[in-house]
Protein backbone atom coordinates (compact mmCIF):
# COMPACT_ATOMS: atom_id res chain seq x y z
CA MET A 1 1.41 2.09 -24.55
CA TRP A 2 0.98 1.37 -28.27
CA SER A 3 2.64 2.90 -31.28
CA ALA A 4 0.80 4.24 -34.34
CA GLY A 5 1.48 0.98 -36.13
CA GLY A 6 -0.43 -1.00 -33.53
CA ARG A 7 2.62 -2.54 -31.92
CA PRO A 8 3.42 -2.29 -28.21
CA ASP A 9 5.90 0.49 -27.49
CA LEU A 10 9.39 -0.66 -26.65
CA PRO A 11 11.37 1.37 -24.15
CA PRO A 12 14.01 3.45 -25.94
CA CYS A 13 17.59 2.29 -25.62
CA GLY A 14 18.94 5.19 -23.60
CA CYS A 15 21.70 3.13 -22.06
CA ARG A 16 23.32 -0.27 -22.49
CA ALA A 17 21.64 -1.84 -19.46
CA SER A 18 18.22 -0.72 -20.64
CA CYS A 19 18.71 -2.30 -24.06
CA VAL A 20 19.63 -5.59 -22.41
CA VAL A 21 16.40 -5.47 -20.38
CA GLN A 22 14.38 -4.65 -23.51
CA GLU A 23 15.88 -7.46 -25.57
CA GLN A 24 15.49 -9.93 -22.73
CA LEU A 25 11.82 -9.00 -22.32
CA SER A 26 11.08 -9.46 -26.01
CA ARG A 27 12.76 -12.88 -26.08
CA GLU A 28 10.95 -14.01 -22.93
CA CYS A 29 7.54 -12.90 -24.22
CA ILE A 30 7.92 -14.58 -27.61
CA THR A 31 9.25 -17.77 -26.00
CA LYS A 32 6.26 -17.91 -23.66
CA LEU A 33 3.83 -17.37 -26.49
CA SER A 34 5.44 -20.04 -28.64
CA ALA A 35 5.30 -22.55 -25.81
CA SER A 36 1.58 -21.97 -25.23
CA GLN A 37 -1.20 -23.79 -27.02
CA HIS A 38 -3.51 -20.89 -26.33
CA VAL A 39 -3.24 -17.28 -25.23
CA ARG A 40 -5.17 -15.84 -22.31
CA ILE A 41 -6.18 -12.24 -22.78
CA ASN A 42 -7.42 -10.39 -19.71
CA HIS A 43 -9.77 -7.44 -20.14
CA TRP A 44 -10.80 -4.97 -17.45
CA LYS A 45 -14.57 -4.90 -16.95
CA PRO A 46 -15.89 -1.35 -17.07
CA GLY A 47 -17.82 -0.10 -14.05
CA GLU A 48 -19.03 3.03 -12.39
CA GLN A 49 -16.78 4.91 -10.00
CA LYS A 50 -19.41 5.35 -7.31
CA HIS A 51 -22.19 3.09 -6.07
CA SER A 52 -21.42 0.53 -8.78
CA LYS A 53 -24.02 -2.20 -9.25
CA GLU A 54 -21.54 -4.41 -11.08
CA PRO A 55 -20.87 -7.78 -9.40
CA SER A 56 -17.16 -6.95 -9.68
CA SER A 57 -17.51 -4.83 -6.53
CA LEU A 58 -17.78 -8.09 -4.59
CA GLN A 59 -14.55 -9.38 -6.08
CA CYS A 60 -12.35 -6.31 -5.94
CA MET A 61 -9.50 -5.62 -3.56
CA HIS A 62 -10.56 -3.08 -0.94
CA LEU A 63 -8.12 -0.29 -0.09
CA ALA A 64 -8.83 2.25 2.68
CA VAL A 65 -7.10 5.53 3.53
CA VAL A 66 -7.81 8.44 5.88
CA ALA A 67 -6.96 11.98 4.72
CA CYS A 68 -7.14 15.18 6.72
CA GLY A 69 -5.40 18.54 6.56
CA ASP A 70 -2.88 18.87 3.73
CA ARG A 71 -2.85 15.18 2.71
CA LEU A 72 -4.85 15.47 -0.52
CA GLU A 73 -1.91 15.20 -2.95
CA GLU A 74 -0.17 12.48 -0.94
CA THR A 75 -3.32 10.40 -0.92
CA LEU A 76 -3.87 10.78 -4.67
CA ILE A 77 -0.26 9.74 -5.41
CA MET A 78 -0.71 6.68 -3.19
CA LEU A 79 -3.90 5.71 -5.07
CA LYS A 80 -2.13 6.33 -8.38
CA SER A 81 0.70 3.97 -7.42
CA ALA A 82 -1.89 1.32 -6.52
CA LEU A 83 -3.54 1.63 -9.92
CA LEU A 84 -0.35 1.65 -11.98
CA PHE A 85 0.76 -1.83 -11.01
CA SER A 86 -2.26 -3.80 -9.77
CA ASN A 87 -4.07 -6.43 -11.82
CA ARG A 88 -7.46 -6.95 -10.21
CA ARG A 89 -10.14 -4.32 -9.79
CA LEU A 90 -9.78 -1.95 -6.83
CA CYS A 91 -12.36 -0.47 -4.47
CA PHE A 92 -11.14 2.69 -2.76
CA HIS A 93 -12.62 3.70 0.60
CA ILE A 94 -11.53 7.29 1.24
CA PHE A 95 -12.26 8.83 4.64
CA ALA A 96 -11.81 12.59 4.42
CA GLU A 97 -12.61 15.87 6.09
CA ASP A 98 -15.55 17.73 4.56
CA SER A 99 -13.27 20.32 2.96
CA LEU A 100 -11.38 17.63 1.02
CA LYS A 101 -14.32 15.61 -0.31
CA PRO A 102 -15.07 17.75 -3.40
CA GLU A 103 -11.38 17.84 -4.34
CA PHE A 104 -11.06 14.06 -4.22
CA GLY A 105 -14.10 13.65 -6.46
CA LYS A 106 -12.84 16.25 -8.91
CA LYS A 107 -9.29 14.87 -9.14
CA LEU A 108 -10.30 11.22 -9.51
CA LYS A 109 -12.68 12.08 -12.36
CA GLU A 110 -9.82 13.79 -14.20
CA TRP A 111 -7.86 10.53 -14.49
CA PRO A 112 -7.99 8.87 -17.95
CA SER A 113 -10.79 6.41 -18.62
CA SER A 114 -8.31 3.59 -19.22
CA TYR A 115 -7.60 3.82 -15.48
CA THR A 116 -10.91 4.98 -14.02
CA LYS A 117 -12.58 1.83 -15.33
CA LYS A 118 -10.23 -0.20 -13.12
CA PHE A 119 -11.59 1.10 -9.83
CA GLU A 120 -14.65 2.35 -7.99
CA TYR A 121 -14.60 4.60 -4.96
CA ASN A 122 -16.61 5.94 -2.09
CA ILE A 123 -15.80 8.96 0.06
CA TYR A 124 -16.86 8.90 3.72
CA PRO A 125 -16.97 11.50 6.49
CA ILE A 126 -14.72 11.22 9.53
CA THR A 127 -16.85 9.50 12.19
CA PHE A 128 -16.22 7.75 15.50
CA SER A 129 -18.93 5.43 16.80
CA VAL A 130 -17.89 5.38 20.46
CA GLY A 131 -16.36 7.88 22.87
CA ASN A 132 -15.54 11.55 22.35
CA ALA A 133 -15.11 12.39 18.66
CA GLN A 134 -12.82 15.35 19.36
CA GLU A 135 -10.54 13.20 21.49
CA TRP A 136 -10.29 10.58 18.77
CA LYS A 137 -9.68 13.19 16.08
CA LYS A 138 -6.71 14.66 17.95
CA LEU A 139 -5.12 11.33 18.82
CA PHE A 140 -1.55 11.41 17.43
CA LYS A 141 -2.17 12.80 13.89
CA PRO A 142 -5.43 14.40 12.70
CA CYS A 143 -8.02 11.71 11.98
CA ALA A 144 -5.53 8.82 12.18
CA ALA A 145 -7.70 7.04 14.79
CA GLN A 146 -10.36 6.59 12.09
CA ARG A 147 -8.64 3.37 11.05
CA LEU A 148 -9.66 1.79 14.38
CA PHE A 149 -13.32 2.13 13.37
CA LEU A 150 -13.12 0.58 9.89
CA PRO A 151 -14.57 -2.79 11.01
CA VAL A 152 -17.55 -0.95 12.51
CA ILE A 153 -18.21 1.39 9.55
CA LEU A 154 -17.56 -0.92 6.60
CA LYS A 155 -19.98 -3.65 7.68
CA ASP A 156 -20.41 -5.04 4.16
CA VAL A 157 -16.68 -5.39 3.49
CA ASP A 158 -15.09 -8.74 4.34
CA SER A 159 -11.40 -7.89 4.01
CA LEU A 160 -9.46 -4.67 3.60
CA LEU A 161 -5.99 -3.20 3.20
CA TYR A 162 -5.51 0.03 5.15
CA VAL A 163 -2.52 2.27 4.38
CA ASP A 164 -1.35 5.69 5.54
CA THR A 165 -1.41 8.51 2.98
CA ASP A 166 2.42 8.48 2.77
CA VAL A 167 2.59 4.98 1.28
CA LEU A 168 3.62 4.04 -2.27
CA PHE A 169 3.03 0.67 -3.92
CA LEU A 170 6.02 -0.63 -5.90
CA ARG A 171 4.34 -3.90 -6.92
CA PRO A 172 0.74 -5.07 -7.43
CA ILE A 173 -1.61 -4.89 -4.44
CA ASP A 174 -2.63 -8.38 -5.56
CA ASP A 175 0.55 -9.70 -3.93
CA ILE A 176 -0.10 -8.37 -0.41
CA TRP A 177 -3.80 -9.22 -0.81
CA HIS A 178 -2.73 -12.84 -1.29
CA ILE A 179 -1.39 -12.85 2.29
CA LEU A 180 -5.02 -13.04 3.46
CA THR A 181 -5.03 -16.64 2.21
CA GLU A 182 -2.08 -17.40 4.48
CA PHE A 183 -3.95 -16.49 7.70
CA ASN A 184 -4.52 -19.41 10.04
CA SER A 185 -7.86 -19.92 11.80
CA THR A 186 -7.20 -17.30 14.53
CA GLN A 187 -5.40 -14.56 12.59
CA LEU A 188 -7.46 -11.53 11.60
CA ALA A 189 -4.92 -8.78 10.87
CA ALA A 190 -1.38 -8.44 9.50
CA MET A 191 1.29 -5.79 10.09
CA ALA A 192 5.06 -5.44 9.87
CA PRO A 193 7.42 -5.04 12.85
CA GLU A 194 8.09 -1.49 14.00
CA HIS A 195 11.81 -2.24 13.95
CA GLU A 196 14.14 -5.06 12.96
CA ILE A 197 16.68 -4.61 15.78
CA PRO A 198 15.16 -4.75 19.30
CA LYS A 199 18.00 -2.95 21.07
CA ILE A 200 17.49 0.20 18.99
CA GLY A 201 13.71 -0.08 18.51
CA TRP A 202 11.42 2.61 19.91
CA TYR A 203 9.00 0.34 21.79
CA SER A 204 11.71 -1.78 23.36
CA ARG A 205 13.43 1.34 24.73
CA PHE A 206 10.69 3.85 25.52
CA ALA A 207 7.19 2.32 25.62
CA ARG A 208 5.26 2.70 28.88
CA HIS A 209 2.51 0.30 27.85
CA PRO A 210 2.25 -3.32 26.60
CA TYR A 211 3.20 -3.89 22.96
CA TYR A 212 3.32 -6.80 20.53
CA GLY A 213 6.42 -9.04 20.40
CA THR A 214 9.92 -7.69 20.95
CA THR A 215 9.75 -4.52 18.83
CA GLY A 216 6.04 -3.72 18.44
CA VAL A 217 4.28 -3.41 15.08
CA ASN A 218 3.78 -0.49 12.70
CA SER A 219 0.20 0.22 11.61
CA GLY A 220 0.96 2.25 8.47
CA VAL A 221 0.21 -0.82 6.34
CA MET A 222 -2.46 -3.04 7.87
CA LEU A 223 -4.24 -5.97 6.23
CA MET A 224 -7.53 -6.87 7.95
CA ASN A 225 -10.16 -9.57 7.80
CA LEU A 226 -12.99 -7.32 8.99
CA THR A 227 -15.47 -10.18 9.32
CA ARG A 228 -13.23 -11.98 11.80
CA ILE A 229 -12.56 -8.74 13.71
CA ARG A 230 -16.30 -8.10 14.06
CA ASN A 231 -16.96 -11.67 15.27
CA THR A 232 -14.11 -12.00 17.78
CA GLN A 233 -14.16 -11.55 21.54
CA PHE A 234 -10.82 -9.95 22.45
CA LYS A 235 -8.89 -10.63 25.64
CA ASN A 236 -8.03 -7.43 27.48
CA SER A 237 -6.68 -5.98 30.74
CA MET A 238 -9.97 -4.39 31.83
CA ILE A 239 -12.45 -7.21 32.45
CA PRO A 240 -12.01 -11.02 32.73
CA SER A 241 -14.38 -11.78 29.86
CA GLY A 242 -13.74 -10.83 26.26
CA LEU A 243 -14.96 -7.66 24.55
CA THR A 244 -15.91 -7.03 20.96
CA TRP A 245 -13.73 -4.69 18.93
CA GLU A 246 -16.16 -1.77 19.25
CA GLU A 247 -16.77 -2.36 22.96
CA MET A 248 -13.05 -2.41 23.67
CA LEU A 249 -11.81 0.73 21.90
CA TYR A 250 -12.87 3.58 24.17
CA PRO A 251 -12.23 1.86 27.55
CA LEU A 252 -8.80 0.85 26.25
CA TYR A 253 -8.04 4.43 25.25
CA GLN A 254 -9.24 5.75 28.63
CA LYS A 255 -6.99 3.33 30.49
CA TYR A 256 -3.82 4.01 28.50
CA LYS A 257 -4.24 7.57 27.17
CA ASN A 258 -1.61 8.99 29.55
CA TYR A 259 0.95 6.36 28.52
CA ILE A 260 0.74 6.26 24.73
CA THR A 261 2.84 8.32 22.29
CA TRP A 262 1.86 7.05 18.83
CA GLY A 263 -1.89 7.14 19.36
CA ASP A 264 -3.90 4.48 17.53
CA GLN A 265 -0.77 2.48 16.67
CA ASP A 266 -0.06 2.11 20.38
CA LEU A 267 -3.64 0.96 20.99
CA LEU A 268 -3.25 -1.68 18.27
CA ASN A 269 -0.02 -2.85 19.89
CA ILE A 270 -1.81 -3.18 23.23
CA ILE A 271 -4.67 -5.14 21.64
CA PHE A 272 -2.31 -7.61 19.98
CA TYR A 273 -0.14 -7.91 23.09
CA PHE A 274 -3.16 -9.49 24.78
CA ASN A 275 -4.22 -11.34 21.60
CA PRO A 276 -0.99 -12.38 19.84
CA GLU A 277 -2.65 -15.35 18.17
CA CYS A 278 -4.77 -12.90 16.16
CA LEU A 279 -1.86 -11.24 14.36
CA TYR A 280 0.05 -12.29 11.25
CA VAL A 281 3.41 -10.51 10.99
CA PHE A 282 4.60 -9.89 7.44
CA PRO A 283 8.23 -8.93 6.68
CA CYS A 284 9.65 -5.42 6.52
CA GLN A 285 9.67 -5.09 2.71
CA TRP A 286 5.88 -4.68 2.92
CA ASN A 287 6.24 -1.54 5.07
CA TYR A 288 9.67 -0.13 4.24
CA ARG A 289 10.50 3.09 6.12
CA PRO A 290 13.52 5.39 6.39
CA ASP A 291 14.50 3.56 9.60
CA HIS A 292 15.30 0.54 7.44
CA CYS A 293 18.19 2.27 5.68
CA MET A 294 19.00 5.69 7.19
CA TYR A 295 21.35 4.16 9.80
CA GLY A 296 22.45 1.34 7.53
CA SER A 297 20.45 -1.36 5.76
CA ASN A 298 18.59 -3.58 8.25
CA CYS A 299 15.68 -5.03 6.25
CA LYS A 300 16.97 -8.33 4.88
CA GLY A 301 13.72 -9.06 3.06
CA ALA A 302 14.12 -5.87 1.01
CA GLU A 303 17.78 -6.66 0.31
CA GLU A 304 16.76 -10.01 -1.11
CA GLU A 305 13.45 -9.21 -2.83
CA GLY A 306 13.35 -5.42 -3.09
CA VAL A 307 10.93 -2.98 -1.47
CA SER A 308 7.29 -3.96 -2.04
CA ILE A 309 5.55 -1.07 -0.26
CA LEU A 310 7.34 2.19 0.56
CA HIS A 311 6.24 4.09 3.66
CA GLY A 312 7.61 7.64 3.63
CA ASN A 313 6.90 8.58 7.23
CA ARG A 314 8.75 11.46 8.95
CA GLY A 315 7.60 13.70 6.06
CA VAL A 316 10.48 12.51 3.87
CA TYR A 317 8.61 13.09 0.59
CA HIS A 318 8.57 16.81 1.31
CA ASP A 319 12.05 17.61 2.62
CA ASP A 320 15.62 16.76 1.61
CA LYS A 321 16.56 14.48 4.51
CA GLN A 322 15.96 11.24 2.57
CA PRO A 323 16.22 12.10 -1.16
CA THR A 324 15.77 8.47 -2.24
CA PHE A 325 12.25 8.40 -0.82
CA LYS A 326 11.52 11.85 -2.23
CA ALA A 327 12.73 10.76 -5.70
CA LEU A 328 10.28 7.85 -5.79
CA TYR A 329 7.40 10.07 -4.72
CA GLU A 330 8.18 12.74 -7.32
CA VAL A 331 8.63 10.31 -10.20
CA ILE A 332 5.31 8.58 -9.54
CA ARG A 333 3.63 11.98 -9.03
CA ASP A 334 4.95 13.31 -12.34
CA PHE A 335 4.36 10.13 -14.39
CA PRO A 336 1.70 10.74 -17.10
CA PHE A 337 -0.81 7.89 -16.70
CA GLU A 338 -0.69 6.55 -20.25
CA ASP A 339 3.02 7.01 -20.95
CA ASN A 340 5.59 4.25 -21.34
CA LEU A 341 6.56 2.98 -17.88
CA PHE A 342 10.21 2.46 -18.78
CA GLN A 343 10.67 5.78 -20.51
CA SER A 344 8.69 8.03 -18.15
CA LEU A 345 9.07 6.30 -14.80
CA TYR A 346 11.93 3.81 -14.58
CA TYR A 347 14.60 5.82 -16.39
CA PRO A 348 13.85 9.13 -14.59
CA LEU A 349 14.02 7.20 -11.32
CA GLN A 350 17.44 5.77 -12.17
CA SER A 351 18.63 9.27 -13.03
CA LYS A 352 17.33 10.80 -9.79
CA PHE A 353 18.94 8.04 -7.74
CA LEU A 354 22.37 9.15 -8.98
CA ASP A 355 21.90 12.28 -6.87
CA THR A 356 21.19 10.34 -3.68
CA VAL A 357 24.37 8.29 -3.30
CA HIS A 358 25.63 10.61 -0.56
CA THR A 359 23.02 9.07 1.78
CA LEU A 360 22.98 5.57 3.23
CA CYS A 361 19.59 4.86 1.65
CA GLY A 362 20.87 6.12 -1.71
CA ARG A 363 23.76 3.67 -1.66
CA ILE A 364 21.42 0.69 -2.09
CA PRO A 365 19.37 1.68 -5.19
CA GLN A 366 18.80 -1.96 -6.12
CA VAL A 367 16.66 -2.36 -2.99
CA PHE A 368 14.25 0.32 -4.26
CA LEU A 369 14.38 -0.65 -7.95
CA LYS A 370 14.16 -4.44 -7.86
CA GLN A 371 10.37 -4.81 -7.46
CA ILE A 372 9.57 -1.90 -9.80
CA GLU A 373 11.67 -3.44 -12.56
CA LYS A 374 10.14 -6.87 -11.98
CA THR A 375 6.62 -5.43 -12.05
CA MET A 376 7.22 -3.42 -15.23
CA LYS A 377 8.63 -6.47 -16.97
CA LYS A 378 5.36 -8.27 -16.23
CA VAL A 379 3.28 -5.34 -17.48
CA TYR A 380 5.29 -5.17 -20.70
CA GLU A 381 5.24 -8.95 -21.11
CA ASN A 382 1.45 -9.05 -20.77
CA ARG A 383 1.04 -6.35 -23.42
CA VAL A 384 3.25 -8.19 -25.88
CA ILE A 385 1.48 -11.50 -25.28
CA VAL A 386 -1.94 -9.88 -25.74
CA TYR A 387 -0.79 -8.20 -28.96
CA LEU A 388 0.85 -11.30 -30.42
CA GLY A 389 -2.05 -13.46 -29.24
CA ALA A 390 -4.58 -11.26 -31.00
CA ASN A 391 -2.62 -11.60 -34.26
CA HIS A 392 -2.23 -15.32 -33.72
CA ARG A 393 -6.02 -15.76 -33.73
CA TYR A 394 -6.52 -14.29 -37.23
């Protein structure tokens, strides 16, 4: 955000702590600029939203989501959070029921051009390439099984981040995208554990089917190398030889359909039980759910580094059971795209958190705020460096 005088907006000093942050940011930015012999200024390359012919489409970070029923607003807020903090260009792959497709197109075109030039998108129908489509559609939640077919449908996409509609990004997608470079030669997907404590985890107590590791994995945030998935023969419990991903899905469902509770997530757990070498497990701060704080804090990664990706399952954005999660959702929803991040997002969030201290999640606000504050410092720092650098050149 820039003031009328052409200078980057500073967050107003509404409280003592905020002023300290502001002053520290200004000093850090000027120090960095002074120490540099040159200034790098990054510009977003403009491109079309749909069917872009720009080469940038080959270099963007691919984000997929599946929306059915009443998930339109949730999905748009998730995409908004991705845009607010990410650095590289984004390619959205939105799988939606026919009734939602026009609304997605309409809403995305209403976003300001300063943001629409940072992404391109495609909207796809809900389709299942093998088995009974109605069975797949009703598995667990409406349309959730669509994620199992992403490697088959998106044949031209090498790697992809899939997230549920009830996810919020609290730091750049660039950071989780980087985990792809940490895969070894056999790993082709990454997920977080379903629980941190085996003795109170769902899978370790109730599952009637094989599952990954000691607690299972949660599929609400799933990083995938689609090329490797398409080219791999997967070990399984049905035939001695391996099966491709597409060949395996429907027989696997038929074998275990009377034993699974969480639908496609259970099928993924079964797949990686038999193929553990294929899975990279990232820590809980990349898929932070109410279970990580509602009974007491049990995600050490989030305690140390802050929440990176918030996953508001259990419908917590829309009831009053976990007001900390609801506060984050509402603040990002209500944030005007081109407003000052400190003034219109960070400060309202701090204020809302004061009303959540009666809950166990609300008693650890630093866990939710740490990454957001760190990310906004970087955004502000980049704006100041670009501004000062431009003046330095003339």
